[in-house]
Amino acid sequence: MHKLTESIGKYLLAAVSPLIRHPETAELRVASSPAGDILRFRLVLEQADVARVIGRNGMTASAIRSLAKAAGEKAGTKVVVHILSREEADAA
């Protein structure tokens, strides 16, 4: 499970870093279900960067989520990716 979490985390950061203006402030928060069958990734970005990652009609975010989900399914784990601004993450 740790190896899967690490590899998906690296993928997410590598996928969004070229798209955003402040990659140094990007933060990845990971939580797993008690049973360990669900991995939840929260990609926390600056407000201006969130729109850049989501893309036109959400196509970029959808592609990023699909690849992360496929990697999880291969390992028998459900993967959920949330893309949030720092303000949204702090409020949640």
N, C-alpha and C. Protein backbone atom coordinates (compact mmCIF):
# COMPACT_ATOMS: atom_id res chain seq x y z
N MET A 1 0.83 -1.19 0.00
CA MET A 1 0.00 0.00 0.00
C MET A 1 0.87 1.26 0.00
N HIS A 2 1.95 1.24 0.78
CA HIS A 2 2.83 2.40 0.86
C HIS A 2 3.46 2.70 -0.50
N LYS A 3 3.86 1.66 -1.21
CA LYS A 3 4.49 1.85 -2.52
C LYS A 3 3.49 2.45 -3.51
N LEU A 4 2.24 1.99 -3.46
CA LEU A 4 1.20 2.53 -4.33
C LEU A 4 0.95 4.00 -4.02
N THR A 5 0.84 4.33 -2.75
CA THR A 5 0.62 5.71 -2.33
C THR A 5 1.75 6.61 -2.81
N GLU A 6 2.96 6.13 -2.65
CA GLU A 6 4.12 6.92 -3.06
C GLU A 6 4.16 7.12 -4.57
N SER A 7 3.90 6.07 -5.34
CA SER A 7 3.98 6.19 -6.79
C SER A 7 2.86 7.08 -7.35
N ILE A 8 1.65 6.96 -6.83
CA ILE A 8 0.57 7.83 -7.30
C ILE A 8 0.83 9.26 -6.88
N GLY A 9 1.34 9.46 -5.68
CA GLY A 9 1.69 10.80 -5.22
C GLY A 9 2.73 11.47 -6.11
N LYS A 10 3.76 10.72 -6.48
CA LYS A 10 4.78 11.26 -7.38
C LYS A 10 4.19 11.59 -8.73
N TYR A 11 3.31 10.71 -9.23
CA TYR A 11 2.66 10.96 -10.51
C TYR A 11 1.84 12.25 -10.47
N LEU A 12 1.04 12.43 -9.42
CA LEU A 12 0.19 13.61 -9.32
C LEU A 12 1.01 14.89 -9.31
N LEU A 13 2.06 14.91 -8.51
CA LEU A 13 2.90 16.11 -8.44
C LEU A 13 3.63 16.35 -9.76
N ALA A 14 4.08 15.30 -10.41
CA ALA A 14 4.77 15.45 -11.69
C ALA A 14 3.81 15.91 -12.79
N ALA A 15 2.57 15.47 -12.73
CA ALA A 15 1.59 15.84 -13.75
C ALA A 15 1.17 17.30 -13.63
N VAL A 16 1.04 17.81 -12.41
CA VAL A 16 0.55 19.18 -12.25
C VAL A 16 1.66 20.23 -12.21
N SER A 17 2.86 19.85 -11.85
CA SER A 17 3.95 20.83 -11.71
C SER A 17 4.17 21.68 -12.97
N PRO A 18 4.18 21.10 -14.17
CA PRO A 18 4.39 21.95 -15.35
C PRO A 18 3.20 22.87 -15.66
N LEU A 19 2.05 22.58 -15.10
CA LEU A 19 0.85 23.34 -15.41
C LEU A 19 0.65 24.55 -14.50
N ILE A 20 1.27 24.55 -13.34
CA ILE A 20 0.98 25.59 -12.36
C ILE A 20 2.11 26.60 -12.25
N ARG A 21 1.76 27.77 -11.73
CA ARG A 21 2.75 28.85 -11.60
C ARG A 21 3.52 28.79 -10.29
N HIS A 22 2.97 28.11 -9.29
CA HIS A 22 3.61 28.03 -7.98
C HIS A 22 3.78 26.57 -7.55
N PRO A 23 4.64 25.80 -8.25
CA PRO A 23 4.79 24.38 -7.89
C PRO A 23 5.40 24.18 -6.51
N GLU A 24 6.13 25.16 -6.02
CA GLU A 24 6.75 25.03 -4.70
C GLU A 24 5.73 25.05 -3.57
N THR A 25 4.54 25.57 -3.83
CA THR A 25 3.51 25.61 -2.80
C THR A 25 2.51 24.47 -2.91
N ALA A 26 2.63 23.65 -3.94
CA ALA A 26 1.72 22.51 -4.11
C ALA A 26 1.92 21.53 -2.96
N GLU A 27 0.81 21.06 -2.43
CA GLU A 27 0.85 20.15 -1.29
C GLU A 27 -0.05 18.96 -1.59
N LEU A 28 0.40 17.78 -1.23
CA LEU A 28 -0.37 16.56 -1.44
C LEU A 28 -0.69 15.95 -0.08
N ARG A 29 -1.98 15.81 0.20
CA ARG A 29 -2.42 15.20 1.45
C ARG A 29 -3.06 13.87 1.11
N VAL A 30 -2.69 12.84 1.85
CA VAL A 30 -3.17 11.49 1.57
C VAL A 30 -3.87 10.93 2.79
N ALA A 31 -5.00 10.28 2.56
CA ALA A 31 -5.72 9.58 3.62
C ALA A 31 -6.21 8.26 3.05
N SER A 32 -6.25 7.25 3.89
CA SER A 32 -6.76 5.97 3.44
C SER A 32 -7.90 5.54 4.37
N SER A 33 -8.76 4.71 3.83
CA SER A 33 -9.88 4.22 4.63
C SER A 33 -9.34 3.26 5.68
N PRO A 34 -10.09 3.04 6.76
CA PRO A 34 -9.62 2.11 7.79
C PRO A 34 -9.34 0.70 7.24
N ALA A 35 -10.12 0.29 6.27
CA ALA A 35 -9.91 -1.04 5.68
C ALA A 35 -8.74 -1.03 4.70
N GLY A 36 -8.32 0.16 4.27
CA GLY A 36 -7.19 0.26 3.35
C GLY A 36 -7.56 0.04 1.90
N ASP A 37 -8.85 -0.01 1.58
CA ASP A 37 -9.25 -0.27 0.20
C ASP A 37 -9.52 1.01 -0.59
N ILE A 38 -9.45 2.17 0.06
CA ILE A 38 -9.66 3.45 -0.62
C ILE A 38 -8.53 4.40 -0.24
N LEU A 39 -7.91 4.98 -1.25
CA LEU A 39 -6.88 6.01 -1.05
C LEU A 39 -7.46 7.33 -1.52
N ARG A 40 -7.40 8.35 -0.68
CA ARG A 40 -7.95 9.66 -1.02
C ARG A 40 -6.79 10.66 -1.05
N PHE A 41 -6.56 11.24 -2.22
CA PHE A 41 -5.51 12.23 -2.40
C PHE A 41 -6.15 13.61 -2.51
N ARG A 42 -5.61 14.56 -1.77
CA ARG A 42 -6.05 15.96 -1.86
C ARG A 42 -4.85 16.76 -2.36
N LEU A 43 -5.00 17.29 -3.56
CA LEU A 43 -3.97 18.12 -4.15
C LEU A 43 -4.33 19.56 -3.83
N VAL A 44 -3.56 20.19 -2.96
CA VAL A 44 -3.85 21.54 -2.48
C VAL A 44 -2.94 22.52 -3.21
N LEU A 45 -3.57 23.47 -3.91
CA LEU A 45 -2.85 24.42 -4.75
C LEU A 45 -3.28 25.85 -4.44
N GLU A 46 -2.55 26.80 -4.99
CA GLU A 46 -2.96 28.20 -4.91
C GLU A 46 -4.24 28.35 -5.74
N GLN A 47 -5.07 29.31 -5.37
CA GLN A 47 -6.36 29.51 -6.05
C GLN A 47 -6.20 29.68 -7.56
N ALA A 48 -5.24 30.47 -8.00
CA ALA A 48 -5.03 30.71 -9.43
C ALA A 48 -4.60 29.44 -10.16
N ASP A 49 -3.90 28.55 -9.46
CA ASP A 49 -3.41 27.32 -10.09
C ASP A 49 -4.49 26.26 -10.24
N VAL A 50 -5.52 26.31 -9.40
CA VAL A 50 -6.58 25.31 -9.46
C VAL A 50 -7.24 25.32 -10.83
N ALA A 51 -7.56 26.50 -11.33
CA ALA A 51 -8.21 26.61 -12.65
C ALA A 51 -7.31 26.07 -13.75
N ARG A 52 -6.03 26.29 -13.64
CA ARG A 52 -5.09 25.79 -14.65
C ARG A 52 -5.05 24.27 -14.66
N VAL A 53 -5.14 23.66 -13.50
CA VAL A 53 -5.09 22.19 -13.41
C VAL A 53 -6.41 21.57 -13.85
N ILE A 54 -7.51 22.21 -13.49
CA ILE A 54 -8.81 21.66 -13.89
C ILE A 54 -8.95 21.72 -15.40
N GLY A 55 -8.51 22.79 -16.02
CA GLY A 55 -8.51 22.88 -17.47
C GLY A 55 -9.87 23.22 -18.04
N ARG A 56 -9.91 23.34 -19.34
CA ARG A 56 -11.15 23.68 -20.03
C ARG A 56 -12.15 22.54 -19.92
N ASN A 57 -13.31 22.84 -19.40
CA ASN A 57 -14.37 21.85 -19.19
C ASN A 57 -13.94 20.68 -18.31
N GLY A 58 -12.91 20.86 -17.52
CA GLY A 58 -12.47 19.82 -16.60
C GLY A 58 -11.72 18.67 -17.24
N MET A 59 -11.31 18.84 -18.47
CA MET A 59 -10.67 17.75 -19.21
C MET A 59 -9.31 17.36 -18.63
N THR A 60 -8.51 18.33 -18.22
CA THR A 60 -7.19 18.02 -17.67
C THR A 60 -7.33 17.28 -16.35
N ALA A 61 -8.19 17.77 -15.47
CA ALA A 61 -8.41 17.11 -14.19
C ALA A 61 -8.96 15.71 -14.38
N SER A 62 -9.85 15.54 -15.34
CA SER A 62 -10.43 14.23 -15.61
C SER A 62 -9.36 13.24 -16.06
N ALA A 63 -8.45 13.69 -16.90
CA ALA A 63 -7.37 12.81 -17.37
C ALA A 63 -6.45 12.42 -16.23
N ILE A 64 -6.10 13.39 -15.38
CA ILE A 64 -5.24 13.12 -14.22
C ILE A 64 -5.91 12.12 -13.29
N ARG A 65 -7.18 12.32 -13.01
CA ARG A 65 -7.93 11.41 -12.13
C ARG A 65 -8.04 10.02 -12.74
N SER A 66 -8.27 9.94 -14.04
CA SER A 66 -8.42 8.63 -14.69
C SER A 66 -7.16 7.80 -14.58
N LEU A 67 -6.01 8.42 -14.79
CA LEU A 67 -4.75 7.68 -14.70
C LEU A 67 -4.47 7.23 -13.27
N ALA A 68 -4.76 8.09 -12.30
CA ALA A 68 -4.56 7.70 -10.90
C ALA A 68 -5.51 6.57 -10.52
N LYS A 69 -6.75 6.65 -10.98
CA LYS A 69 -7.73 5.61 -10.70
C LYS A 69 -7.32 4.28 -11.33
N ALA A 70 -6.80 4.32 -12.55
CA ALA A 70 -6.36 3.10 -13.22
C ALA A 70 -5.21 2.44 -12.47
N ALA A 71 -4.28 3.24 -11.97
CA ALA A 71 -3.16 2.69 -11.19
C ALA A 71 -3.68 2.03 -9.92
N GLY A 72 -4.66 2.63 -9.29
CA GLY A 72 -5.24 2.04 -8.08
C GLY A 72 -5.99 0.76 -8.37
N GLU A 73 -6.76 0.74 -9.46
CA GLU A 73 -7.52 -0.47 -9.81
C GLU A 73 -6.59 -1.64 -10.10
N LYS A 74 -5.47 -1.34 -10.70
CA LYS A 74 -4.49 -2.40 -10.99
C LYS A 74 -4.00 -3.05 -9.71
N ALA A 75 -3.94 -2.25 -8.63
CA ALA A 75 -3.50 -2.76 -7.33
C ALA A 75 -4.67 -3.17 -6.44
N GLY A 76 -5.90 -3.08 -6.96
CA GLY A 76 -7.07 -3.47 -6.18
C GLY A 76 -7.51 -2.44 -5.15
N THR A 77 -7.20 -1.19 -5.41
CA THR A 77 -7.52 -0.10 -4.48
C THR A 77 -8.27 0.99 -5.23
N LYS A 78 -9.30 1.53 -4.61
CA LYS A 78 -10.01 2.66 -5.20
C LYS A 78 -9.23 3.93 -4.88
N VAL A 79 -9.01 4.76 -5.89
CA VAL A 79 -8.27 6.00 -5.73
C VAL A 79 -9.19 7.17 -6.06
N VAL A 80 -9.23 8.15 -5.17
CA VAL A 80 -10.02 9.36 -5.36
C VAL A 80 -9.07 10.55 -5.29
N VAL A 81 -9.17 11.45 -6.27
CA VAL A 81 -8.30 12.62 -6.30
C VAL A 81 -9.16 13.88 -6.24
N HIS A 82 -8.90 14.73 -5.25
CA HIS A 82 -9.56 16.02 -5.10
C HIS A 82 -8.54 17.11 -5.40
N ILE A 83 -8.94 18.11 -6.15
CA ILE A 83 -8.09 19.25 -6.45
C ILE A 83 -8.72 20.45 -5.77
N LEU A 84 -8.02 20.99 -4.78
CA LEU A 84 -8.58 22.05 -3.96
C LEU A 84 -7.64 23.25 -3.88
N SER A 85 -8.23 24.42 -3.65
CA SER A 85 -7.42 25.59 -3.34
C SER A 85 -7.05 25.51 -1.86
N ARG A 86 -6.06 26.25 -1.49
CA ARG A 86 -5.61 26.27 -0.11
C ARG A 86 -6.76 26.70 0.82
N GLU A 87 -7.56 27.67 0.38
CA GLU A 87 -8.69 28.14 1.18
C GLU A 87 -9.74 27.04 1.38
N GLU A 88 -10.04 26.31 0.31
CA GLU A 88 -11.01 25.22 0.41
C GLU A 88 -10.52 24.12 1.32
N ALA A 89 -9.24 23.79 1.23
CA ALA A 89 -8.68 22.72 2.05
C ALA A 89 -8.67 23.09 3.53
N ASP A 90 -8.40 24.36 3.83
CA ASP A 90 -8.35 24.79 5.22
C ASP A 90 -9.76 24.85 5.82
N ALA A 91 -10.75 25.12 4.98
CA ALA A 91 -12.13 25.20 5.45
C ALA A 91 -12.74 23.83 5.68
N ALA A 92 -12.21 22.83 4.99
CA ALA A 92 -12.79 21.48 5.09
C ALA A 92 -12.33 20.73 6.30
